[in-house]
Amino acid sequence: MAWRQLLLVSCLSAAVFLSMLREGTSASVGTRQGAGQEAQEGVEQKIFMQESDASNFLKKRSKRSSKSQDEVNAENRQKLWADELRKEYYEEQRNEYENFVEEQNDEQEERSREAIEQWRQWHYDGLYPPYLYNRHHI
């Protein structure tokens, strides 16, 4: 029985809390009906076109009719532009990767050259050229 009372009290408090929140948000926005309607009508005129214009727009070309040359040209320009952007992007990515690989190879060559030089200095026996086949105590 106690859990039912607890549930009822929590539901009532939640309802009261939500109603207070709703009143708070409506009071904070302000209620200017006249100016709001005029602004809304101006926005509607910018977004929506007249009914006659809309029907003419839809009647202008049906689904099966061919596109005008201007539409075809515009679509081709957009496709060419997108292809050019894609080409530039992949070219830039390839150049960055090639530069990275070149730097990695240069670093590896430098490390191996230093290791070989150190090995030659360590194993140098005083003869010239300082190679292994000149060593007498192999």
N, C-alpha and C. Protein backbone atom coordinates (compact mmCIF):
# COMPACT_ATOMS: atom_id res chain seq x y z
N MET A 1 0.82 -1.19 0.00
CA MET A 1 0.00 0.00 0.00
C MET A 1 0.87 1.26 0.00
N ALA A 2 1.98 1.20 0.68
CA ALA A 2 2.85 2.37 0.78
C ALA A 2 3.47 2.68 -0.59
N TRP A 3 3.77 1.69 -1.39
CA TRP A 3 4.37 1.94 -2.68
C TRP A 3 3.37 2.58 -3.63
N ARG A 4 2.06 2.27 -3.45
CA ARG A 4 1.04 2.92 -4.28
C ARG A 4 0.95 4.40 -3.95
N GLN A 5 1.00 4.71 -2.66
CA GLN A 5 0.95 6.11 -2.25
C GLN A 5 2.18 6.87 -2.75
N LEU A 6 3.31 6.22 -2.68
CA LEU A 6 4.55 6.84 -3.16
C LEU A 6 4.47 7.10 -4.67
N LEU A 7 3.95 6.15 -5.42
CA LEU A 7 3.78 6.30 -6.85
C LEU A 7 2.81 7.43 -7.17
N LEU A 8 1.71 7.50 -6.46
CA LEU A 8 0.71 8.54 -6.68
C LEU A 8 1.29 9.92 -6.38
N VAL A 9 2.00 10.05 -5.29
CA VAL A 9 2.60 11.34 -4.93
C VAL A 9 3.65 11.75 -5.96
N SER A 10 4.47 10.81 -6.43
CA SER A 10 5.49 11.17 -7.41
C SER A 10 4.87 11.57 -8.74
N CYS A 11 3.80 10.90 -9.18
CA CYS A 11 3.12 11.28 -10.42
C CYS A 11 2.50 12.66 -10.32
N LEU A 12 1.84 12.94 -9.19
CA LEU A 12 1.23 14.25 -9.00
C LEU A 12 2.29 15.35 -8.97
N SER A 13 3.39 15.10 -8.29
CA SER A 13 4.44 16.12 -8.24
C SER A 13 5.06 16.35 -9.63
N ALA A 14 5.20 15.28 -10.42
CA ALA A 14 5.72 15.43 -11.78
C ALA A 14 4.76 16.24 -12.64
N ALA A 15 3.46 16.00 -12.50
CA ALA A 15 2.47 16.75 -13.27
C ALA A 15 2.50 18.22 -12.90
N VAL A 16 2.58 18.51 -11.61
CA VAL A 16 2.63 19.91 -11.17
C VAL A 16 3.91 20.57 -11.68
N PHE A 17 5.01 19.86 -11.62
CA PHE A 17 6.29 20.39 -12.08
C PHE A 17 6.25 20.70 -13.58
N LEU A 18 5.69 19.79 -14.37
CA LEU A 18 5.59 20.02 -15.81
C LEU A 18 4.67 21.18 -16.15
N SER A 19 3.58 21.30 -15.43
CA SER A 19 2.68 22.43 -15.70
C SER A 19 3.36 23.75 -15.35
N MET A 20 4.16 23.76 -14.29
CA MET A 20 4.89 24.99 -13.94
C MET A 20 5.93 25.32 -15.01
N LEU A 21 6.58 24.31 -15.54
CA LEU A 21 7.56 24.56 -16.61
C LEU A 21 6.89 25.12 -17.85
N ARG A 22 5.75 24.60 -18.23
CA ARG A 22 5.04 25.07 -19.41
C ARG A 22 4.63 26.52 -19.24
N GLU A 23 4.14 26.88 -18.06
CA GLU A 23 3.76 28.27 -17.81
C GLU A 23 4.99 29.18 -17.85
N GLY A 24 6.10 28.70 -17.36
CA GLY A 24 7.32 29.51 -17.35
C GLY A 24 7.83 29.79 -18.75
N THR A 25 7.79 28.80 -19.63
CA THR A 25 8.27 29.03 -20.99
C THR A 25 7.33 29.92 -21.77
N SER A 26 6.04 29.78 -21.56
CA SER A 26 5.11 30.63 -22.31
C SER A 26 5.19 32.06 -21.82
N ALA A 27 5.47 32.28 -20.56
CA ALA A 27 5.58 33.63 -20.04
C ALA A 27 6.89 34.28 -20.49
N SER A 28 7.93 33.49 -20.69
CA SER A 28 9.21 34.08 -21.04
C SER A 28 9.28 34.50 -22.50
N VAL A 29 8.50 33.87 -23.37
CA VAL A 29 8.54 34.19 -24.79
C VAL A 29 7.85 35.50 -25.08
N GLY A 30 6.74 35.77 -24.46
CA GLY A 30 5.99 36.98 -24.73
C GLY A 30 4.87 36.69 -25.71
N THR A 31 3.78 37.43 -25.61
CA THR A 31 2.63 37.15 -26.46
C THR A 31 2.22 38.41 -27.19
N ARG A 32 2.89 38.69 -28.28
CA ARG A 32 2.50 39.80 -29.14
C ARG A 32 1.87 39.18 -30.36
N GLN A 33 0.57 39.13 -30.41
CA GLN A 33 -0.15 38.44 -31.48
C GLN A 33 -0.07 39.19 -32.80
N GLY A 34 -0.26 40.50 -32.78
CA GLY A 34 -0.34 41.28 -34.02
C GLY A 34 0.96 41.27 -34.80
N ALA A 35 2.06 41.58 -34.15
CA ALA A 35 3.35 41.64 -34.83
C ALA A 35 3.80 40.26 -35.27
N GLY A 36 3.49 39.25 -34.48
CA GLY A 36 3.88 37.89 -34.82
C GLY A 36 3.17 37.40 -36.07
N GLN A 37 1.89 37.74 -36.20
CA GLN A 37 1.15 37.30 -37.39
C GLN A 37 1.65 38.01 -38.64
N GLU A 38 1.95 39.29 -38.53
CA GLU A 38 2.45 40.02 -39.70
C GLU A 38 3.80 39.47 -40.16
N ALA A 39 4.65 39.17 -39.21
CA ALA A 39 5.95 38.62 -39.56
C ALA A 39 5.80 37.24 -40.18
N GLN A 40 4.85 36.46 -39.63
CA GLN A 40 4.64 35.11 -40.15
C GLN A 40 4.09 35.16 -41.58
N GLU A 41 3.21 36.11 -41.87
CA GLU A 41 2.68 36.23 -43.23
C GLU A 41 3.78 36.64 -44.21
N GLY A 42 4.67 37.50 -43.77
CA GLY A 42 5.78 37.90 -44.64
C GLY A 42 6.70 36.72 -44.94
N VAL A 43 6.93 35.89 -43.95
CA VAL A 43 7.77 34.71 -44.15
C VAL A 43 7.07 33.73 -45.08
N GLU A 44 5.76 33.55 -44.89
CA GLU A 44 5.03 32.63 -45.76
C GLU A 44 5.07 33.09 -47.21
N GLN A 45 4.99 34.40 -47.44
CA GLN A 45 5.05 34.89 -48.81
C GLN A 45 6.43 34.66 -49.41
N LYS A 46 7.46 34.70 -48.60
CA LYS A 46 8.79 34.44 -49.12
C LYS A 46 9.00 32.96 -49.42
N ILE A 47 8.40 32.09 -48.61
CA ILE A 47 8.63 30.65 -48.78
C ILE A 47 7.71 30.07 -49.83
N PHE A 48 6.43 30.37 -49.75
CA PHE A 48 5.44 29.73 -50.61
C PHE A 48 5.13 30.62 -51.80
N MET A 49 4.89 29.99 -52.95
CA MET A 49 4.51 30.75 -54.13
C MET A 49 2.99 30.68 -54.31
N GLN A 50 2.49 31.49 -55.19
CA GLN A 50 1.06 31.51 -55.45
C GLN A 50 0.62 30.16 -56.03
N GLU A 51 -0.64 29.83 -55.84
CA GLU A 51 -1.16 28.54 -56.30
C GLU A 51 -1.09 28.42 -57.82
N SER A 52 -1.40 29.50 -58.52
CA SER A 52 -1.35 29.45 -59.98
C SER A 52 0.08 29.24 -60.47
N ASP A 53 1.04 29.91 -59.83
CA ASP A 53 2.44 29.71 -60.21
C ASP A 53 2.89 28.28 -59.95
N ALA A 54 2.44 27.72 -58.84
CA ALA A 54 2.83 26.35 -58.52
C ALA A 54 2.25 25.37 -59.53
N SER A 55 0.99 25.55 -59.91
CA SER A 55 0.39 24.62 -60.87
C SER A 55 1.05 24.76 -62.24
N ASN A 56 1.40 26.00 -62.64
CA ASN A 56 2.11 26.19 -63.91
C ASN A 56 3.49 25.55 -63.87
N PHE A 57 4.12 25.64 -62.72
CA PHE A 57 5.44 25.03 -62.58
C PHE A 57 5.36 23.52 -62.75
N LEU A 58 4.34 22.92 -62.14
CA LEU A 58 4.20 21.47 -62.24
C LEU A 58 3.74 21.03 -63.63
N LYS A 59 2.97 21.87 -64.31
CA LYS A 59 2.49 21.50 -65.65
C LYS A 59 3.56 21.73 -66.72
N LYS A 60 4.58 22.49 -66.41
CA LYS A 60 5.58 22.86 -67.40
C LYS A 60 6.24 21.63 -68.03
N ARG A 61 6.57 20.66 -67.19
CA ARG A 61 7.24 19.48 -67.73
C ARG A 61 6.75 18.26 -66.97
N SER A 62 6.27 17.28 -67.68
CA SER A 62 5.84 16.05 -67.03
C SER A 62 7.04 15.14 -66.84
N LYS A 63 6.83 14.00 -66.22
CA LYS A 63 7.94 13.09 -65.93
C LYS A 63 8.55 12.49 -67.19
N ARG A 64 7.74 12.27 -68.20
CA ARG A 64 8.24 11.57 -69.38
C ARG A 64 8.77 12.51 -70.46
N SER A 65 8.54 13.77 -70.32
CA SER A 65 9.02 14.68 -71.36
C SER A 65 10.54 14.85 -71.23
N SER A 66 11.16 15.21 -72.33
CA SER A 66 12.62 15.35 -72.33
C SER A 66 13.01 16.66 -71.66
N LYS A 67 14.23 16.70 -71.18
CA LYS A 67 14.74 17.90 -70.53
C LYS A 67 15.17 18.90 -71.59
N SER A 68 15.10 20.14 -71.21
CA SER A 68 15.57 21.18 -72.13
C SER A 68 17.10 21.15 -72.17
N GLN A 69 17.63 21.77 -73.19
CA GLN A 69 19.09 21.79 -73.34
C GLN A 69 19.76 22.54 -72.20
N ASP A 70 19.08 23.57 -71.70
CA ASP A 70 19.64 24.32 -70.57
C ASP A 70 19.76 23.45 -69.33
N GLU A 71 18.71 22.63 -69.08
CA GLU A 71 18.76 21.73 -67.93
C GLU A 71 19.87 20.69 -68.08
N VAL A 72 20.00 20.16 -69.28
CA VAL A 72 21.06 19.17 -69.54
C VAL A 72 22.43 19.81 -69.34
N ASN A 73 22.61 21.02 -69.87
CA ASN A 73 23.88 21.71 -69.72
C ASN A 73 24.19 22.00 -68.25
N ALA A 74 23.18 22.43 -67.50
CA ALA A 74 23.39 22.72 -66.08
C ALA A 74 23.78 21.46 -65.31
N GLU A 75 23.10 20.34 -65.60
CA GLU A 75 23.44 19.09 -64.93
C GLU A 75 24.85 18.65 -65.29
N ASN A 76 25.23 18.80 -66.56
CA ASN A 76 26.58 18.41 -66.97
C ASN A 76 27.64 19.28 -66.30
N ARG A 77 27.35 20.59 -66.18
CA ARG A 77 28.29 21.47 -65.49
C ARG A 77 28.47 21.06 -64.04
N GLN A 78 27.37 20.70 -63.38
CA GLN A 78 27.46 20.26 -61.99
C GLN A 78 28.25 18.97 -61.87
N LYS A 79 28.04 18.04 -62.79
CA LYS A 79 28.78 16.78 -62.75
C LYS A 79 30.27 17.02 -62.99
N LEU A 80 30.59 17.87 -63.97
CA LEU A 80 31.99 18.17 -64.25
C LEU A 80 32.66 18.86 -63.07
N TRP A 81 31.93 19.76 -62.42
CA TRP A 81 32.47 20.46 -61.27
C TRP A 81 32.72 19.49 -60.13
N ALA A 82 31.77 18.56 -59.89
CA ALA A 82 31.95 17.57 -58.83
C ALA A 82 33.13 16.64 -59.15
N ASP A 83 33.26 16.26 -60.43
CA ASP A 83 34.39 15.42 -60.83
C ASP A 83 35.72 16.14 -60.62
N GLU A 84 35.76 17.42 -60.93
CA GLU A 84 36.98 18.21 -60.75
C GLU A 84 37.34 18.30 -59.27
N LEU A 85 36.34 18.53 -58.42
CA LEU A 85 36.61 18.59 -56.99
C LEU A 85 37.12 17.25 -56.47
N ARG A 86 36.50 16.17 -56.93
CA ARG A 86 36.92 14.84 -56.51
C ARG A 86 38.35 14.55 -56.96
N LYS A 87 38.65 14.96 -58.20
CA LYS A 87 39.99 14.74 -58.74
C LYS A 87 41.03 15.52 -57.94
N GLU A 88 40.73 16.78 -57.62
CA GLU A 88 41.66 17.59 -56.84
C GLU A 88 41.86 17.00 -55.46
N TYR A 89 40.78 16.52 -54.85
CA TYR A 89 40.88 15.94 -53.51
C TYR A 89 41.78 14.72 -53.51
N TYR A 90 41.54 13.80 -54.45
CA TYR A 90 42.34 12.58 -54.47
C TYR A 90 43.79 12.86 -54.89
N GLU A 91 43.98 13.85 -55.73
CA GLU A 91 45.35 14.22 -56.10
C GLU A 91 46.10 14.77 -54.89
N GLU A 92 45.42 15.59 -54.10
CA GLU A 92 46.04 16.14 -52.90
C GLU A 92 46.35 15.02 -51.89
N GLN A 93 45.41 14.09 -51.74
CA GLN A 93 45.65 12.97 -50.83
C GLN A 93 46.84 12.13 -51.29
N ARG A 94 46.91 11.88 -52.60
CA ARG A 94 48.02 11.09 -53.14
C ARG A 94 49.35 11.80 -52.94
N ASN A 95 49.38 13.12 -53.17
CA ASN A 95 50.62 13.88 -52.98
C ASN A 95 51.06 13.85 -51.51
N GLU A 96 50.10 14.00 -50.60
CA GLU A 96 50.45 13.95 -49.19
C GLU A 96 51.01 12.58 -48.82
N TYR A 97 50.40 11.52 -49.34
CA TYR A 97 50.88 10.18 -49.04
C TYR A 97 52.27 9.94 -49.63
N GLU A 98 52.48 10.41 -50.86
CA GLU A 98 53.80 10.25 -51.48
C GLU A 98 54.87 11.00 -50.70
N ASN A 99 54.55 12.20 -50.24
CA ASN A 99 55.51 12.95 -49.42
C ASN A 99 55.81 12.22 -48.12
N PHE A 100 54.78 11.66 -47.51
CA PHE A 100 54.97 10.91 -46.28
C PHE A 100 55.86 9.70 -46.50
N VAL A 101 55.59 8.95 -47.58
CA VAL A 101 56.40 7.76 -47.87
C VAL A 101 57.83 8.15 -48.18
N GLU A 102 58.02 9.23 -48.91
CA GLU A 102 59.37 9.68 -49.23
C GLU A 102 60.14 10.06 -47.96
N GLU A 103 59.46 10.75 -47.04
CA GLU A 103 60.12 11.10 -45.78
C GLU A 103 60.47 9.86 -44.98
N GLN A 104 59.56 8.90 -44.95
CA GLN A 104 59.82 7.65 -44.23
C GLN A 104 61.02 6.92 -44.83
N ASN A 105 61.06 6.85 -46.16
CA ASN A 105 62.19 6.18 -46.82
C ASN A 105 63.50 6.90 -46.56
N ASP A 106 63.46 8.23 -46.60
CA ASP A 106 64.68 9.00 -46.32
C ASP A 106 65.17 8.74 -44.90
N GLU A 107 64.23 8.72 -43.95
CA GLU A 107 64.63 8.46 -42.56
C GLU A 107 65.20 7.06 -42.41
N GLN A 108 64.58 6.08 -43.08
CA GLN A 108 65.09 4.71 -43.00
C GLN A 108 66.47 4.59 -43.63
N GLU A 109 66.66 5.24 -44.77
CA GLU A 109 67.98 5.22 -45.41
C GLU A 109 69.03 5.88 -44.53
N GLU A 110 68.66 6.97 -43.88
CA GLU A 110 69.60 7.66 -42.99
C GLU A 110 69.97 6.76 -41.81
N ARG A 111 68.98 6.10 -41.23
CA ARG A 111 69.27 5.20 -40.10
C ARG A 111 70.16 4.03 -40.52
N SER A 112 69.84 3.45 -41.68
CA SER A 112 70.65 2.31 -42.12
C SER A 112 72.07 2.78 -42.50
N ARG A 113 72.21 3.95 -43.10
CA ARG A 113 73.53 4.46 -43.44
C ARG A 113 74.35 4.70 -42.18
N GLU A 114 73.70 5.28 -41.15
CA GLU A 114 74.41 5.51 -39.90
C GLU A 114 74.82 4.19 -39.25
N ALA A 115 73.93 3.19 -39.32
CA ALA A 115 74.27 1.89 -38.72
C ALA A 115 75.43 1.23 -39.47
N ILE A 116 75.42 1.33 -40.79
CA ILE A 116 76.51 0.76 -41.58
C ILE A 116 77.82 1.48 -41.29
N GLU A 117 77.75 2.79 -41.17
CA GLU A 117 78.95 3.57 -40.87
C GLU A 117 79.51 3.21 -39.50
N GLN A 118 78.61 3.06 -38.53
CA GLN A 118 79.08 2.66 -37.21
C GLN A 118 79.68 1.26 -37.25
N TRP A 119 79.09 0.36 -37.98
CA TRP A 119 79.61 -1.00 -38.07
C TRP A 119 81.00 -0.98 -38.70
N ARG A 120 81.18 -0.17 -39.75
CA ARG A 120 82.48 -0.09 -40.42
C ARG A 120 83.54 0.51 -39.51
N GLN A 121 83.15 1.52 -38.73
CA GLN A 121 84.11 2.11 -37.82
C GLN A 121 84.49 1.13 -36.72
N TRP A 122 83.56 0.37 -36.25
CA TRP A 122 83.83 -0.59 -35.18
C TRP A 122 84.74 -1.72 -35.67
N HIS A 123 84.50 -2.18 -36.92
CA HIS A 123 85.25 -3.32 -37.44
C HIS A 123 86.45 -2.91 -38.29
N TYR A 124 86.80 -1.67 -38.28
CA TYR A 124 87.94 -1.22 -39.11
C TYR A 124 89.23 -1.80 -38.56
N ASP A 125 90.02 -2.38 -39.46
CA ASP A 125 91.25 -3.04 -39.01
C ASP A 125 92.52 -2.30 -39.45
N GLY A 126 92.39 -1.10 -39.94
CA GLY A 126 93.56 -0.32 -40.31
C GLY A 126 93.95 -0.48 -41.75
N LEU A 127 93.34 -1.35 -42.48
CA LEU A 127 93.65 -1.53 -43.89
C LEU A 127 92.68 -0.73 -44.74
N TYR A 128 93.10 -0.41 -45.94
CA TYR A 128 92.23 0.33 -46.82
C TYR A 128 92.02 -0.50 -48.07
N PRO A 129 90.88 -0.64 -48.60
CA PRO A 129 89.57 -0.22 -48.10
C PRO A 129 89.12 -1.10 -46.93
N PRO A 130 88.40 -0.53 -45.99
CA PRO A 130 88.07 -1.25 -44.76
C PRO A 130 86.89 -2.21 -44.94
N TYR A 131 87.08 -3.28 -45.67
CA TYR A 131 86.02 -4.26 -45.87
C TYR A 131 86.39 -5.56 -45.19
N LEU A 132 85.45 -6.45 -45.08
CA LEU A 132 85.67 -7.71 -44.38
C LEU A 132 86.72 -8.57 -45.07
N TYR A 133 86.76 -8.54 -46.40
CA TYR A 133 87.71 -9.43 -47.07
C TYR A 133 89.14 -9.01 -46.86
N ASN A 134 89.40 -7.81 -46.34
CA ASN A 134 90.75 -7.39 -46.01
C ASN A 134 91.17 -7.83 -44.63
N ARG A 135 90.27 -8.33 -43.84
CA ARG A 135 90.61 -8.72 -42.48
C ARG A 135 91.39 -10.02 -42.49
N HIS A 136 92.45 -10.08 -41.70
CA HIS A 136 93.32 -11.26 -41.70
C HIS A 136 92.93 -12.25 -40.63
N HIS A 137 92.15 -11.88 -39.68
CA HIS A 137 91.81 -12.78 -38.58
C HIS A 137 90.32 -13.13 -38.61
N ILE A 138 89.85 -13.59 -39.73
CA ILE A 138 88.43 -13.94 -39.85
C ILE A 138 88.14 -15.23 -39.13
